[in-house]
Amino acid sequence: MTTLHDFSADTIAGSQDVFDRFAGQVVLVVNTASECGLTPQYDGLQKLHDEFKDRGFTVLGFPCNQFGAQEPGDEAQIQEFCRTEYSVDFPLYRKVDVNGLDAHPLWAWLKSQKSGEDGAEIEWNFAKFLIDGDGRVVERYSPRTAPEQLREDIEQLLSGDDEGDGRTA
């Protein structure tokens, strides 16, 4: 069975990150953009990361320019924007496609695991996937779902309260 831990991606700084290092952790994977009406969600994502990182949680941000060309910058510009405007210190990766033939393999897999409101395709910037400690997709959230609304689901996964649905911490 394929899990998050089977994938890797290039960091925004250019090195390769192998996701088996997140085994045992709860992860939130998000496609991001710097010039989107939803860009202020970076603040909420960083707050979630700060609140739960010592308990085995992290956010992974994947800049994407597929929606309204709202991520036009290069990796250095994106990284600087995220750091200075939102104090982002969770992992960021190189710009990727999340839909289409050139979709990053991780995103193709995520979409195959959970459909969204408009089917499998990612509908806009800031779509979110919550991954359990075993690397399985637990939930997919709409871009309009504020990061703060995920707090209870993250807490349940971190506490091991799976409510009989196959989720584990």
C-alpha atoms as a PDB file:
ATOM      1  CA  MET A   1       0.000   0.000   0.000  1.00  0.00           C
ATOM      2  CA  THR A   2       1.301   3.447  -0.904  1.00  0.00           C
ATOM      3  CA  THR A   3       1.601   6.063   1.848  1.00  0.00           C
ATOM      4  CA  LEU A   4       2.976   9.586   2.234  1.00  0.00           C
ATOM      5  CA  HIS A   5       6.213   7.971   3.401  1.00  0.00           C
ATOM      6  CA  ASP A   6       6.823   6.565  -0.102  1.00  0.00           C
ATOM      7  CA  PHE A   7       7.245  10.035  -1.647  1.00  0.00           C
ATOM      8  CA  SER A   8       9.856  12.761  -1.786  1.00  0.00           C
ATOM      9  CA  ALA A   9      10.007  16.317  -3.089  1.00  0.00           C
ATOM     10  CA  ASP A  10      12.552  19.064  -3.654  1.00  0.00           C
ATOM     11  CA  THR A  11      12.577  21.643  -0.884  1.00  0.00           C
ATOM     12  CA  ILE A  12      12.230  25.307  -1.740  1.00  0.00           C
ATOM     13  CA  ALA A  13      15.994  25.571  -1.082  1.00  0.00           C
ATOM     14  CA  GLY A  14      16.711  22.824  -3.638  1.00  0.00           C
ATOM     15  CA  SER A  15      17.550  19.740  -1.580  1.00  0.00           C
ATOM     16  CA  GLN A  16      15.539  16.540  -1.728  1.00  0.00           C
ATOM     17  CA  ASP A  17      13.275  15.702   1.218  1.00  0.00           C
ATOM     18  CA  VAL A  18      12.282  12.061   1.628  1.00  0.00           C
ATOM     19  CA  PHE A  19       8.956  11.814   3.427  1.00  0.00           C
ATOM     20  CA  ASP A  20       9.655   8.611   5.310  1.00  0.00           C
ATOM     21  CA  ARG A  21      11.139  10.987   7.880  1.00  0.00           C
ATOM     22  CA  PHE A  22       7.529  11.869   8.796  1.00  0.00           C
ATOM     23  CA  ALA A  23       6.685   8.294   9.835  1.00  0.00           C
ATOM     24  CA  GLY A  24       4.746   8.442  13.083  1.00  0.00           C
ATOM     25  CA  GLN A  25       3.830  12.109  12.595  1.00  0.00           C
ATOM     26  CA  VAL A  26       0.552  13.738  11.663  1.00  0.00           C
ATOM     27  CA  VAL A  27       1.050  15.879   8.537  1.00  0.00           C
ATOM     28  CA  LEU A  28      -1.040  18.503   6.792  1.00  0.00           C
ATOM     29  CA  VAL A  29      -0.189  18.866   3.077  1.00  0.00           C
ATOM     30  CA  VAL A  30      -1.307  22.158   1.474  1.00  0.00           C
ATOM     31  CA  ASN A  31      -0.939  23.761  -1.963  1.00  0.00           C
ATOM     32  CA  THR A  32      -0.151  27.441  -1.452  1.00  0.00           C
ATOM     33  CA  ALA A  33       0.063  30.736  -3.325  1.00  0.00           C
ATOM     34  CA  SER A  34       1.398  34.167  -2.388  1.00  0.00           C
ATOM     35  CA  GLU A  35      -1.063  36.345  -4.307  1.00  0.00           C
ATOM     36  CA  CYS A  36      -4.368  34.640  -3.520  1.00  0.00           C
ATOM     37  CA  GLY A  37      -7.301  35.902  -1.511  1.00  0.00           C
ATOM     38  CA  LEU A  38      -6.687  32.852   0.707  1.00  0.00           C
ATOM     39  CA  THR A  39      -2.992  33.662   1.264  1.00  0.00           C
ATOM     40  CA  PRO A  40      -3.681  34.878   4.834  1.00  0.00           C
ATOM     41  CA  GLN A  41      -4.247  31.186   5.642  1.00  0.00           C
ATOM     42  CA  TYR A  42      -0.452  31.017   5.949  1.00  0.00           C
ATOM     43  CA  ASP A  43      -0.955  32.639   9.354  1.00  0.00           C
ATOM     44  CA  GLY A  44      -3.345  29.922  10.521  1.00  0.00           C
ATOM     45  CA  LEU A  45      -1.153  27.162   9.086  1.00  0.00           C
ATOM     46  CA  GLN A  46       1.861  28.520  10.963  1.00  0.00           C
ATOM     47  CA  LYS A  47      -0.171  28.734  14.187  1.00  0.00           C
ATOM     48  CA  LEU A  48      -1.223  25.077  13.838  1.00  0.00           C
ATOM     49  CA  HIS A  49       2.379  24.103  13.150  1.00  0.00           C
ATOM     50  CA  ASP A  50       3.592  26.017  16.214  1.00  0.00           C
ATOM     51  CA  GLU A  51       0.852  24.653  18.468  1.00  0.00           C
ATOM     52  CA  PHE A  52       1.320  20.977  17.608  1.00  0.00           C
ATOM     53  CA  LYS A  53       4.894  20.542  16.307  1.00  0.00           C
ATOM     54  CA  ASP A  54       6.221  19.343  19.677  1.00  0.00           C
ATOM     55  CA  ARG A  55       3.567  16.601  19.641  1.00  0.00           C
ATOM     56  CA  GLY A  56       4.522  15.187  16.221  1.00  0.00           C
ATOM     57  CA  PHE A  57       2.709  17.409  13.721  1.00  0.00           C
ATOM     58  CA  THR A  58       3.935  19.381  10.741  1.00  0.00           C
ATOM     59  CA  VAL A  59       2.582  21.334   7.799  1.00  0.00           C
ATOM     60  CA  LEU A  60       4.074  20.816   4.330  1.00  0.00           C
ATOM     61  CA  GLY A  61       3.539  23.729   1.927  1.00  0.00           C
ATOM     62  CA  PHE A  62       3.645  23.242  -1.844  1.00  0.00           C
ATOM     63  CA  PRO A  63       3.531  26.495  -3.827  1.00  0.00           C
ATOM     64  CA  CYS A  64       1.503  26.155  -7.014  1.00  0.00           C
ATOM     65  CA  ASN A  65       0.899  28.582  -9.887  1.00  0.00           C
ATOM     66  CA  GLN A  66      -1.966  26.677 -11.548  1.00  0.00           C
ATOM     67  CA  PHE A  67      -4.821  28.788 -10.180  1.00  0.00           C
ATOM     68  CA  GLY A  68      -5.041  32.317 -11.531  1.00  0.00           C
ATOM     69  CA  ALA A  69      -1.233  32.534 -11.808  1.00  0.00           C
ATOM     70  CA  GLN A  70      -1.241  33.540  -8.130  1.00  0.00           C
ATOM     71  CA  GLU A  71       2.234  32.160  -7.398  1.00  0.00           C
ATOM     72  CA  PRO A  72       4.346  33.897 -10.064  1.00  0.00           C
ATOM     73  CA  GLY A  73       7.591  34.241  -8.104  1.00  0.00           C
ATOM     74  CA  ASP A  74      10.605  31.991  -8.099  1.00  0.00           C
ATOM     75  CA  GLU A  75      11.516  29.865  -5.099  1.00  0.00           C
ATOM     76  CA  ALA A  76      13.685  32.564  -3.475  1.00  0.00           C
ATOM     77  CA  GLN A  77      10.885  35.137  -3.775  1.00  0.00           C
ATOM     78  CA  ILE A  78       8.305  32.710  -2.391  1.00  0.00           C
ATOM     79  CA  GLN A  79      10.513  31.759   0.536  1.00  0.00           C
ATOM     80  CA  GLU A  80      11.264  35.398   1.360  1.00  0.00           C
ATOM     81  CA  PHE A  81       7.567  36.341   1.159  1.00  0.00           C
ATOM     82  CA  CYS A  82       6.519  33.482   3.439  1.00  0.00           C
ATOM     83  CA  ARG A  83       9.246  34.241   5.956  1.00  0.00           C
ATOM     84  CA  THR A  84       8.759  38.023   6.104  1.00  0.00           C
ATOM     85  CA  GLU A  85       4.968  38.276   5.762  1.00  0.00           C
ATOM     86  CA  TYR A  86       3.871  35.209   7.767  1.00  0.00           C
ATOM     87  CA  SER A  87       6.980  33.999   9.668  1.00  0.00           C
ATOM     88  CA  VAL A  88       6.574  30.585   8.027  1.00  0.00           C
ATOM     89  CA  ASP A  89       9.052  28.027   9.303  1.00  0.00           C
ATOM     90  CA  PHE A  90       7.272  24.812   8.332  1.00  0.00           C
ATOM     91  CA  PRO A  91       8.743  22.971   5.323  1.00  0.00           C
ATOM     92  CA  LEU A  92       8.143  24.566   1.929  1.00  0.00           C
ATOM     93  CA  TYR A  93       8.834  22.871  -1.384  1.00  0.00           C
ATOM     94  CA  ARG A  94       9.555  23.913  -4.942  1.00  0.00           C
ATOM     95  CA  LYS A  95       6.589  24.995  -7.018  1.00  0.00           C
ATOM     96  CA  VAL A  96       4.588  22.028  -8.280  1.00  0.00           C
ATOM     97  CA  ASP A  97       1.593  21.288 -10.433  1.00  0.00           C
ATOM     98  CA  VAL A  98      -1.199  19.635  -8.473  1.00  0.00           C
ATOM     99  CA  ASN A  99      -3.483  18.892 -11.454  1.00  0.00           C
ATOM    100  CA  GLY A 100      -2.920  17.680 -14.994  1.00  0.00           C
ATOM    101  CA  LEU A 101      -0.332  15.493 -16.667  1.00  0.00           C
ATOM    102  CA  ASP A 102       2.546  17.219 -14.888  1.00  0.00           C
ATOM    103  CA  ALA A 103       1.057  16.905 -11.386  1.00  0.00           C
ATOM    104  CA  HIS A 104       3.649  15.990  -8.785  1.00  0.00           C
ATOM    105  CA  PRO A 105       3.302  12.255  -7.953  1.00  0.00           C
ATOM    106  CA  LEU A 106       2.461  13.083  -4.334  1.00  0.00           C
ATOM    107  CA  TRP A 107      -0.470  15.221  -5.435  1.00  0.00           C
ATOM    108  CA  ALA A 108      -1.692  12.596  -7.902  1.00  0.00           C
ATOM    109  CA  TRP A 109      -1.694  10.094  -5.035  1.00  0.00           C
ATOM    110  CA  LEU A 110      -3.390  12.477  -2.580  1.00  0.00           C
ATOM    111  CA  LYS A 111      -6.212  13.094  -5.070  1.00  0.00           C
ATOM    112  CA  SER A 112      -6.615   9.354  -5.630  1.00  0.00           C
ATOM    113  CA  GLN A 113      -7.124   8.864  -1.910  1.00  0.00           C
ATOM    114  CA  LYS A 114      -9.789  11.534  -1.266  1.00  0.00           C
ATOM    115  CA  SER A 115     -12.027  13.387  -3.703  1.00  0.00           C
ATOM    116  CA  GLY A 116     -13.051  16.966  -3.052  1.00  0.00           C
ATOM    117  CA  GLU A 117     -16.183  19.000  -3.688  1.00  0.00           C
ATOM    118  CA  ASP A 118     -15.448  19.086  -7.427  1.00  0.00           C
ATOM    119  CA  GLY A 119     -14.218  15.503  -7.753  1.00  0.00           C
ATOM    120  CA  ALA A 120     -10.612  14.423  -7.658  1.00  0.00           C
ATOM    121  CA  GLU A 121      -9.006  17.560  -9.077  1.00  0.00           C
ATOM    122  CA  ILE A 122      -7.700  20.239  -6.740  1.00  0.00           C
ATOM    123  CA  GLU A 123     -10.137  23.122  -7.018  1.00  0.00           C
ATOM    124  CA  TRP A 124      -7.948  26.080  -5.916  1.00  0.00           C
ATOM    125  CA  ASN A 125      -5.041  27.215  -3.769  1.00  0.00           C
ATOM    126  CA  PHE A 126      -4.963  26.057  -0.146  1.00  0.00           C
ATOM    127  CA  ALA A 127      -6.567  22.631  -0.571  1.00  0.00           C
ATOM    128  CA  LYS A 128      -5.536  20.572   2.455  1.00  0.00           C
ATOM    129  CA  PHE A 129      -4.933  16.882   3.123  1.00  0.00           C
ATOM    130  CA  LEU A 130      -4.579  15.531   6.669  1.00  0.00           C
ATOM    131  CA  ILE A 131      -2.296  12.504   6.927  1.00  0.00           C
ATOM    132  CA  ASP A 132      -2.057  10.174   9.927  1.00  0.00           C
ATOM    133  CA  GLY A 133       1.114   8.791  11.496  1.00  0.00           C
ATOM    134  CA  ASP A 134       0.985   5.754   9.207  1.00  0.00           C
ATOM    135  CA  GLY A 135       1.089   8.025   6.161  1.00  0.00           C
ATOM    136  CA  ARG A 136      -2.547   7.495   5.158  1.00  0.00           C
ATOM    137  CA  VAL A 137      -4.879  10.267   3.999  1.00  0.00           C
ATOM    138  CA  VAL A 138      -7.516  10.795   6.682  1.00  0.00           C
ATOM    139  CA  GLU A 139      -9.335  13.843   5.335  1.00  0.00           C
ATOM    140  CA  ARG A 140      -9.376  16.365   2.509  1.00  0.00           C
ATOM    141  CA  TYR A 141     -10.466  19.933   3.179  1.00  0.00           C
ATOM    142  CA  SER A 142     -11.714  22.615   0.827  1.00  0.00           C
ATOM    143  CA  PRO A 143      -9.482  25.620   0.149  1.00  0.00           C
ATOM    144  CA  ARG A 144     -12.095  27.694   1.969  1.00  0.00           C
ATOM    145  CA  THR A 145     -11.695  25.648   5.163  1.00  0.00           C
ATOM    146  CA  ALA A 146      -9.708  27.824   7.549  1.00  0.00           C
ATOM    147  CA  PRO A 147      -6.725  26.113   9.166  1.00  0.00           C
ATOM    148  CA  GLU A 148      -8.205  26.804  12.611  1.00  0.00           C
ATOM    149  CA  GLN A 149     -11.135  24.533  11.717  1.00  0.00           C
ATOM    150  CA  LEU A 150      -8.758  21.554  11.526  1.00  0.00           C
ATOM    151  CA  ARG A 151      -7.583  21.836  15.136  1.00  0.00           C
ATOM    152  CA  GLU A 152      -9.996  19.194  16.513  1.00  0.00           C
ATOM    153  CA  ASP A 153      -9.158  16.652  13.784  1.00  0.00           C
ATOM    154  CA  ILE A 154      -5.425  17.156  14.365  1.00  0.00           C
ATOM    155  CA  GLU A 155      -5.886  16.837  18.117  1.00  0.00           C
ATOM    156  CA  GLN A 156      -7.784  13.553  17.675  1.00  0.00           C
ATOM    157  CA  LEU A 157      -5.033  12.067  15.515  1.00  0.00           C
ATOM    158  CA  LEU A 158      -2.299  13.198  17.887  1.00  0.00           C
ATOM    159  CA  SER A 159      -4.113  11.794  20.920  1.00  0.00           C
ATOM    160  CA  GLY A 160      -4.761   8.455  19.212  1.00  0.00           C
ATOM    161  CA  ASP A 161      -8.547   8.904  19.424  1.00  0.00           C
ATOM    162  CA  ASP A 162      -9.464   7.215  16.150  1.00  0.00           C
ATOM    163  CA  GLU A 163     -13.155   6.683  16.928  1.00  0.00           C
ATOM    164  CA  GLY A 164     -13.059   3.333  15.169  1.00  0.00           C
ATOM    165  CA  ASP A 165     -12.473   4.769  11.694  1.00  0.00           C
ATOM    166  CA  GLY A 166      -9.060   3.242  11.086  1.00  0.00           C
ATOM    167  CA  ARG A 167      -7.085   6.343  11.978  1.00  0.00           C
ATOM    168  CA  THR A 168      -4.070   6.071  14.219  1.00  0.00           C
ATOM    169  CA  ALA A 169      -1.842   8.571  15.910  1.00  0.00           C
END
